[in-house]
Protein backbone atom coordinates (compact mmCIF):
# COMPACT_ATOMS: atom_id res chain seq x y z
CA UNK A 1 53.44 13.81 -42.26
CA UNK A 2 50.57 16.05 -43.77
CA UNK A 3 50.83 18.59 -46.43
CA UNK A 4 49.79 22.19 -45.56
CA UNK A 5 46.41 21.82 -47.55
CA UNK A 6 45.22 18.98 -45.38
CA UNK A 7 46.40 20.92 -42.25
CA UNK A 8 44.58 24.15 -43.18
CA UNK A 9 41.53 21.84 -43.91
CA UNK A 10 41.64 20.74 -40.08
CA UNK A 11 41.88 24.42 -39.26
CA UNK A 12 38.99 25.42 -41.17
CA UNK A 13 36.80 22.58 -39.96
CA UNK A 14 37.31 23.68 -36.43
CA UNK A 15 36.77 27.35 -37.06
CA UNK A 16 34.85 27.65 -40.37
CA UNK A 17 33.58 31.10 -39.57
CA UNK A 18 36.32 32.37 -37.20
CA UNK A 19 36.84 31.99 -33.35
CA UNK A 20 33.78 33.63 -32.12
CA UNK A 21 34.64 33.78 -28.49
CA UNK A 22 38.22 35.06 -28.93
CA UNK A 23 36.95 37.73 -31.37
CA UNK A 24 33.63 38.81 -28.84
CA UNK A 25 36.35 39.33 -26.00
CA UNK A 26 38.61 41.60 -28.19
CA UNK A 27 41.81 39.50 -27.13
CA UNK A 28 42.76 38.34 -30.56
CA UNK A 29 45.93 40.55 -30.55
CA UNK A 30 47.30 39.77 -27.20
CA UNK A 31 50.45 38.03 -26.89
CA UNK A 32 50.38 34.43 -25.44
CA UNK A 33 52.18 31.29 -24.69
CA UNK A 34 50.92 27.78 -25.20
CA UNK A 35 52.78 24.52 -23.83
CA UNK A 36 51.93 20.95 -24.28
CA UNK A 37 53.09 18.22 -21.74
CA UNK A 38 52.62 14.47 -21.51
CA UNK A 39 50.09 13.55 -18.76
CA UNK A 40 51.39 9.97 -18.93
CA UNK A 41 54.27 7.88 -20.17
CA UNK A 42 54.07 7.68 -23.85
CA UNK A 43 55.65 7.60 -27.48
CA UNK A 44 54.85 10.86 -28.67
CA UNK A 45 53.65 11.48 -32.27
CA UNK A 46 52.01 14.21 -34.31
CA UNK A 47 54.33 16.98 -32.78
CA UNK A 48 55.54 18.03 -36.23
CA UNK A 49 51.97 18.36 -37.61
CA UNK A 50 50.83 20.04 -34.42
CA UNK A 51 53.73 22.66 -34.70
CA UNK A 52 52.80 23.26 -38.41
CA UNK A 53 49.18 23.73 -37.50
CA UNK A 54 50.07 26.32 -34.99
CA UNK A 55 52.49 28.04 -37.59
CA UNK A 56 49.77 28.09 -40.29
CA UNK A 57 47.69 29.68 -37.85
CA UNK A 58 50.02 32.52 -37.48
CA UNK A 59 52.16 31.53 -34.17
CA UNK A 60 55.63 30.48 -33.84
CA UNK A 61 56.08 26.70 -32.71
CA UNK A 62 59.02 24.55 -31.48
CA UNK A 63 58.71 20.65 -30.85
CA UNK A 64 60.83 19.94 -27.42
CA UNK A 65 60.69 16.20 -27.74
CA UNK A 66 61.53 13.66 -30.63
CA UNK A 67 58.79 11.93 -32.13
CA UNK A 68 58.83 8.15 -31.64
CA UNK A 69 60.92 8.11 -28.57
CA UNK A 70 59.23 7.01 -25.41
CA UNK A 71 58.81 10.03 -22.84
CA UNK A 72 57.83 10.09 -19.12
CA UNK A 73 54.70 11.64 -17.62
CA UNK A 74 55.23 15.49 -17.32
CA UNK A 75 57.67 15.81 -20.16
CA UNK A 76 57.34 18.97 -22.22
CA UNK A 77 56.62 18.19 -25.73
CA UNK A 78 56.10 21.68 -27.69
CA UNK A 79 55.58 25.24 -26.77
CA UNK A 80 54.37 28.10 -29.18
CA UNK A 81 54.23 31.83 -29.08
CA UNK A 82 51.88 34.35 -30.88
CA UNK A 83 48.99 36.32 -30.28
CA UNK A 84 45.77 34.96 -28.68
CA UNK A 85 43.97 34.64 -31.73
CA UNK A 86 46.45 32.36 -33.61
CA UNK A 87 46.98 30.31 -30.42
CA UNK A 88 43.14 29.55 -29.66
CA UNK A 89 42.56 28.92 -33.36
CA UNK A 90 45.24 26.17 -33.58
CA UNK A 91 45.07 24.84 -29.98
CA UNK A 92 42.56 22.14 -29.89
CA UNK A 93 43.50 20.77 -33.52
CA UNK A 94 47.15 20.65 -32.45
CA UNK A 95 46.34 18.85 -29.16
CA UNK A 96 43.86 16.51 -30.61
CA UNK A 97 46.31 15.52 -33.12
CA UNK A 98 49.12 14.78 -30.84
CA UNK A 99 46.63 12.90 -28.33
CA UNK A 100 45.14 10.55 -31.10
CA UNK A 101 48.42 9.83 -32.92
CA UNK A 102 50.38 9.24 -29.55
CA UNK A 103 47.78 6.73 -28.57
CA UNK A 104 48.27 4.68 -31.58
CA UNK A 105 52.03 4.98 -31.64
CA UNK A 106 52.19 4.11 -27.90
CA UNK A 107 49.90 0.99 -28.45
CA UNK A 108 51.94 -0.18 -31.50
CA UNK A 109 55.31 0.11 -29.69
CA UNK A 110 53.82 -2.09 -26.75
CA UNK A 111 52.61 -4.52 -29.35
CA UNK A 112 55.95 -4.74 -31.17
CA UNK A 113 57.92 -5.02 -27.84
CA UNK A 114 55.60 -8.11 -26.91
CA UNK A 115 55.91 -9.74 -30.18
CA UNK A 116 59.70 -9.10 -30.64
CA UNK A 117 61.42 -10.25 -32.78
CA UNK A 118 58.42 -11.17 -34.95
CA UNK A 119 57.20 -7.90 -36.84
CA UNK A 120 53.74 -6.34 -36.42
CA UNK A 121 51.63 -4.81 -39.30
CA UNK A 122 48.50 -2.95 -38.48
CA UNK A 123 45.48 -3.10 -40.63
CA UNK A 124 43.58 -0.04 -42.09
CA UNK A 125 40.64 -0.53 -39.49
CA UNK A 126 40.30 3.17 -38.73
CA UNK A 127 37.81 6.03 -39.15
CA UNK A 128 37.55 6.70 -42.86
CA UNK A 129 39.53 9.93 -43.90
CA UNK A 130 42.20 9.26 -40.99
CA UNK A 131 44.15 6.47 -42.86
CA UNK A 132 47.41 8.61 -43.65
CA UNK A 133 47.53 9.80 -39.87
CA UNK A 134 47.00 6.24 -38.45
CA UNK A 135 49.69 4.98 -40.90
CA UNK A 136 52.19 7.59 -39.74
CA UNK A 137 51.38 6.87 -36.16
CA UNK A 138 51.84 3.09 -36.61
CA UNK A 139 55.22 3.55 -38.19
CA UNK A 140 56.28 6.04 -35.56
CA UNK A 141 55.66 3.13 -32.91
CA UNK A 142 57.71 0.79 -34.92
CA UNK A 143 55.19 -1.05 -36.72
CA UNK A 144 54.55 -1.75 -40.54
CA UNK A 145 51.49 -1.63 -42.52
CA UNK A 146 49.21 -4.77 -43.38
CA UNK A 147 47.67 -2.96 -46.36
CA UNK A 148 46.54 0.70 -46.67
CA UNK A 149 43.92 -0.05 -49.32
CA UNK A 150 42.77 -2.47 -51.94
CA UNK A 151 45.22 -1.30 -54.45
CA UNK A 152 48.26 -2.49 -52.09
CA UNK A 153 48.17 -6.00 -52.02
CA UNK A 154 46.79 -9.37 -53.42
CA UNK A 155 44.69 -10.67 -50.73
CA UNK A 156 42.20 -13.31 -51.54
CA UNK A 157 39.44 -13.62 -48.59
CA UNK A 158 36.83 -16.40 -48.15
CA UNK A 159 34.38 -13.92 -49.80
CA UNK A 160 36.37 -13.75 -52.91
CA UNK A 161 36.70 -17.44 -53.27
CA UNK A 162 32.69 -17.81 -52.70
CA UNK A 163 32.40 -16.49 -56.41
CA UNK A 164 34.87 -18.99 -57.86
CA UNK A 165 33.84 -22.35 -58.85
CA UNK A 166 35.59 -25.26 -56.78
CA UNK A 167 36.63 -26.69 -60.32
CA UNK A 168 38.84 -23.58 -61.10
CA UNK A 169 39.95 -22.40 -57.77
CA UNK A 170 43.25 -23.58 -57.86
CA UNK A 171 43.97 -22.30 -61.51
CA UNK A 172 42.60 -18.87 -60.69
CA UNK A 173 44.63 -18.58 -57.39
CA UNK A 174 47.97 -19.57 -59.29
CA UNK A 175 46.81 -17.17 -62.18
CA UNK A 176 46.51 -14.12 -59.88
CA UNK A 177 50.05 -13.18 -59.30
CA UNK A 178 50.56 -13.23 -63.22
CA UNK A 179 47.68 -10.90 -63.61
CA UNK A 180 49.28 -8.70 -61.01
CA UNK A 181 53.07 -8.90 -61.58
CA UNK A 182 55.38 -8.52 -58.56
CA UNK A 183 52.44 -9.06 -56.15
CA UNK A 184 52.90 -12.00 -53.35
CA UNK A 185 49.55 -13.77 -53.07
CA UNK A 186 48.08 -13.68 -49.51
CA UNK A 187 45.06 -15.93 -48.90
CA UNK A 188 43.04 -15.39 -45.84
CA UNK A 189 41.56 -18.66 -44.23
CA UNK A 190 38.87 -19.33 -41.44
CA UNK A 191 40.12 -22.72 -40.02
CA UNK A 192 42.66 -25.15 -40.08
CA UNK A 193 41.40 -27.17 -42.87
CA UNK A 194 41.19 -24.12 -45.41
CA UNK A 195 44.77 -23.40 -44.45
CA UNK A 196 46.24 -26.81 -45.32
CA UNK A 197 44.33 -27.07 -48.32
CA UNK A 198 45.31 -23.78 -49.71
CA UNK A 199 48.83 -23.61 -48.39
CA UNK A 200 50.55 -24.76 -51.62
CA UNK A 201 49.21 -21.80 -53.62
CA UNK A 202 49.98 -19.11 -51.13
CA UNK A 203 52.85 -16.93 -50.45
CA UNK A 204 51.31 -15.96 -47.00
CA UNK A 205 48.33 -17.41 -45.11
CA UNK A 206 46.46 -14.83 -43.17
CA UNK A 207 44.87 -16.80 -40.21
CA UNK A 208 41.73 -15.20 -39.23
CA UNK A 209 40.86 -15.58 -35.70
CA UNK A 210 43.11 -18.60 -35.14
CA UNK A 211 44.30 -19.00 -31.57
CA UNK A 212 48.07 -19.48 -30.73
CA UNK A 213 47.15 -23.29 -30.44
CA UNK A 214 45.42 -23.50 -33.94
CA UNK A 215 48.38 -21.43 -35.39
CA UNK A 216 50.85 -23.88 -33.76
CA UNK A 217 49.26 -27.00 -35.09
CA UNK A 218 49.16 -25.41 -38.67
CA UNK A 219 52.70 -24.74 -38.48
CA UNK A 220 53.73 -28.04 -37.40
CA UNK A 221 51.71 -29.54 -40.36
CA UNK A 222 53.21 -27.29 -42.82
CA UNK A 223 56.76 -27.51 -41.72
CA UNK A 224 56.57 -31.11 -42.95
CA UNK A 225 55.97 -29.90 -46.58
CA UNK A 226 58.90 -28.72 -48.77
CA UNK A 227 57.46 -25.23 -49.06
CA UNK A 228 55.62 -23.39 -46.30
CA UNK A 229 53.74 -19.89 -46.74
CA UNK A 230 54.34 -17.44 -44.16
CA UNK A 231 51.91 -17.59 -41.44
CA UNK A 232 50.39 -14.39 -40.22
CA UNK A 233 47.26 -14.53 -37.53
CA UNK A 234 44.69 -11.60 -37.91
CA UNK A 235 41.78 -10.83 -35.69
CA UNK A 236 41.98 -10.88 -31.83
CA UNK A 237 45.79 -10.19 -32.02
CA UNK A 238 46.25 -8.19 -28.94
CA UNK A 239 49.52 -7.22 -26.77
CA UNK A 240 48.34 -9.99 -24.12
CA UNK A 241 48.55 -12.64 -26.88
CA UNK A 242 51.56 -11.37 -29.00
CA UNK A 243 54.11 -13.38 -27.28
CA UNK A 244 51.80 -16.60 -27.68
CA UNK A 245 51.45 -16.01 -31.26
CA UNK A 246 55.43 -15.51 -31.53
CA UNK A 247 56.05 -18.77 -29.66
CA UNK A 248 53.81 -20.77 -31.75
CA UNK A 249 55.55 -19.96 -34.93
CA UNK A 250 53.85 -16.76 -36.46
CA UNK A 251 55.95 -14.91 -39.02
CA UNK A 252 54.03 -11.84 -38.83
CA UNK A 253 51.28 -10.55 -36.56
CA UNK A 254 48.43 -8.46 -38.10
CA UNK A 255 46.51 -6.32 -35.77
CA UNK A 256 43.95 -3.51 -35.39
CA UNK A 257 44.38 -3.07 -31.72
CA UNK A 258 46.50 0.10 -31.83
CA UNK A 259 44.08 1.82 -34.32
CA UNK A 260 41.35 1.17 -31.64
CA UNK A 261 43.43 2.62 -28.87
CA UNK A 262 41.90 5.50 -26.87
CA UNK A 263 43.94 9.04 -27.15
CA UNK A 264 46.45 9.70 -24.64
CA UNK A 265 45.89 12.93 -22.84
CA UNK A 266 48.21 16.09 -23.33
CA UNK A 267 48.29 18.77 -20.77
CA UNK A 268 47.85 22.20 -22.46
CA UNK A 269 48.77 25.41 -20.89
CA UNK A 270 47.69 28.53 -22.68
CA UNK A 271 48.09 31.73 -21.19
CA UNK A 272 49.16 35.44 -21.61
CA UNK A 273 52.92 35.86 -22.39
CA UNK A 274 55.10 37.04 -19.61
């Protein structure tokens, strides 16, 4: 999930000048034991990274639950042993990692189940610097990635088209895949008229803030043509609306909802060994 350099940076961020409390109390060398448990039903994620954080801090750790497999509240997730200094240094970094990633993975799983069999792709709408973590959690939850950055896909938005003269728009759209060979052309549209006008140039239409009814009307019109692009609603796609989008004829759901989900609380018990 993350390399050691990244995990060490997380540890350094939390204790750049050491753990003042543990050092002041003189308990750093005392043996201790740490256990994480699920406070609620969840799809656990980040356990491997949490164990590695503990190991890098000097403790030994073991995952007790598989990532990506739903567990019930009360399930033990991991345990670690080591001196109090190592455990206190890594405790919160490891806990927050699991809590945040499990929240994303659990929300992704719920959205995928609601949309089944239509696939779900999550956006890159997350806090800057955390994209790799979020992408890992999305995939753990059963989703896929819409685009992880500007270098991934050929997505033409209304903001791009605003810079193109109407007289050359079709020519420029058709030329774009030749400039970026191997990339499918995705065109984002704001309304039904744009969708119908630009459909013949697109491999996929990204339907921004379309309701399920809006999508259904576009799908019906485009099904009458010899060739139809894939249809992917984006913006406002939630677990509550997933089935409606599926039934309206969506080929893919694009959502940011899992990335905005609150962390799922982990019960952590850190105490002296024995």
